[in-house]
């Protein structure tokens, strides 16, 4: 089993920054990918950013150049640095962890990010 605990969400004005953290515990391997999805009210959950064991990264087009994902394997923690935030970034952000290589197997509880205009 894997447990994921997110932190760092909150309310910020447009143009501001936030850093989300996701601490993983349990049967964790640094060989597995982790990342972040988000879900805005009335919309489907969408991939925001992902990072592999080799530190390769992938971003949604809407956040490229503004968000940066990173991981600290010694701490089993993945981070999402969000800069130049926009009101459309408002959503619940979910951390995930993969075990099989084809999508999330474990989810965090979610953390709310609200960007005011």
Protein backbone atom coordinates (compact mmCIF):
# COMPACT_ATOMS: atom_id res chain seq x y z
CA UNK A 1 0.00 0.00 0.00
CA UNK A 2 0.98 3.58 -0.65
CA UNK A 3 -0.17 6.69 1.18
CA UNK A 4 0.09 10.15 -0.35
CA UNK A 5 -0.36 13.36 1.62
CA UNK A 6 -0.50 16.70 -0.17
CA UNK A 7 0.11 20.12 1.29
CA UNK A 8 0.70 23.68 0.13
CA UNK A 9 -2.61 24.64 -1.40
CA UNK A 10 -4.37 27.88 -0.62
CA UNK A 11 -5.69 31.18 -1.90
CA UNK A 12 -3.45 33.40 -4.02
CA UNK A 13 -3.93 36.37 -6.29
CA UNK A 14 -3.43 36.07 -10.02
CA UNK A 15 0.24 36.30 -10.87
CA UNK A 16 1.26 34.79 -7.56
CA UNK A 17 2.99 31.52 -6.72
CA UNK A 18 2.37 28.41 -4.67
CA UNK A 19 4.36 25.25 -4.09
CA UNK A 20 2.55 21.97 -3.57
CA UNK A 21 4.18 19.03 -1.84
CA UNK A 22 3.22 15.37 -1.83
CA UNK A 23 4.82 13.07 0.69
CA UNK A 24 4.61 9.37 -0.10
CA UNK A 25 4.89 6.52 2.38
CA UNK A 26 4.49 2.77 2.34
CA UNK A 27 5.72 0.53 -0.48
CA UNK A 28 7.50 3.27 -2.40
CA UNK A 29 10.04 2.85 -5.16
CA UNK A 30 11.95 5.69 -6.74
CA UNK A 31 11.63 3.72 -10.02
CA UNK A 32 7.97 4.66 -10.31
CA UNK A 33 6.49 7.80 -11.77
CA UNK A 34 4.61 10.39 -9.75
CA UNK A 35 2.76 13.51 -10.67
CA UNK A 36 -0.19 15.83 -10.31
CA UNK A 37 -3.69 15.99 -11.71
CA UNK A 38 -6.26 18.70 -11.09
CA UNK A 39 -10.02 18.91 -11.21
CA UNK A 40 -11.97 22.13 -11.49
CA UNK A 41 -15.70 22.30 -10.67
CA UNK A 42 -17.76 20.75 -13.44
CA UNK A 43 -14.71 19.55 -15.34
CA UNK A 44 -12.90 16.25 -15.76
CA UNK A 45 -9.71 15.53 -13.89
CA UNK A 46 -6.72 16.44 -16.07
CA UNK A 47 -3.02 15.70 -15.95
CA UNK A 48 -0.96 18.71 -14.92
CA UNK A 49 2.57 17.33 -14.67
CA UNK A 50 4.41 14.05 -14.31
CA UNK A 51 7.94 13.01 -13.45
CA UNK A 52 9.59 9.65 -14.00
CA UNK A 53 12.28 7.92 -12.00
CA UNK A 54 14.85 9.32 -14.42
CA UNK A 55 13.51 12.84 -13.80
CA UNK A 56 11.94 13.13 -17.23
CA UNK A 57 9.02 15.49 -17.04
CA UNK A 58 5.77 16.03 -18.90
CA UNK A 59 3.44 19.01 -18.63
CA UNK A 60 0.00 20.00 -19.80
CA UNK A 61 0.22 22.68 -22.48
CA UNK A 62 -1.72 25.06 -20.27
CA UNK A 63 0.98 25.09 -17.58
CA UNK A 64 4.19 24.81 -19.60
CA UNK A 65 6.61 27.57 -18.70
CA UNK A 66 4.74 28.36 -15.47
CA UNK A 67 4.79 25.13 -13.45
CA UNK A 68 7.76 22.97 -12.53
CA UNK A 69 7.59 19.44 -11.14
CA UNK A 70 10.44 17.93 -9.17
CA UNK A 71 11.03 15.04 -6.80
CA UNK A 72 13.28 14.25 -3.88
CA UNK A 73 13.69 10.49 -3.83
CA UNK A 74 15.44 10.55 -0.46
CA UNK A 75 12.31 12.11 1.04
CA UNK A 76 9.80 10.27 -1.18
CA UNK A 77 8.33 13.65 -2.00
CA UNK A 78 7.20 15.27 -5.22
CA UNK A 79 6.76 19.02 -5.60
CA UNK A 80 4.84 21.27 -7.95
CA UNK A 81 6.10 24.84 -8.13
CA UNK A 82 3.36 27.00 -9.64
CA UNK A 83 4.24 30.48 -10.83
CA UNK A 84 2.27 33.16 -12.70
CA UNK A 85 -0.95 31.59 -11.48
CA UNK A 86 -4.16 32.35 -13.33
CA UNK A 87 -7.79 32.13 -12.20
CA UNK A 88 -8.22 29.17 -14.56
CA UNK A 89 -5.67 27.25 -12.47
CA UNK A 90 -8.25 27.12 -9.68
CA UNK A 91 -8.92 23.46 -8.91
CA UNK A 92 -8.36 20.66 -6.47
CA UNK A 93 -4.88 19.28 -7.11
CA UNK A 94 -4.26 15.56 -6.62
CA UNK A 95 -0.94 13.84 -6.28
CA UNK A 96 -0.62 10.36 -7.76
CA UNK A 97 1.79 7.43 -7.80
CA UNK A 98 2.17 4.75 -10.47
CA UNK A 99 3.17 1.14 -9.95
CA UNK A 100 2.51 -0.43 -13.33
CA UNK A 101 3.51 2.32 -15.75
CA UNK A 102 0.18 3.08 -17.34
CA UNK A 103 -1.45 5.61 -15.10
CA UNK A 104 -2.15 6.43 -11.48
CA UNK A 105 -2.61 3.60 -9.02
CA UNK A 106 -2.72 5.67 -5.85
CA UNK A 107 -4.12 9.13 -5.16
CA UNK A 108 -3.73 11.71 -2.47
CA UNK A 109 -6.70 13.34 -0.81
CA UNK A 110 -6.36 16.54 -2.83
CA UNK A 111 -5.49 20.11 -1.96
CA UNK A 112 -7.47 23.16 -3.01
CA UNK A 113 -5.80 25.88 -5.04
CA UNK A 114 -7.81 29.05 -5.57
CA UNK A 115 -6.53 31.91 -7.71
CA UNK A 116 -8.41 35.18 -7.43
CA UNK A 117 -8.49 37.73 -10.23
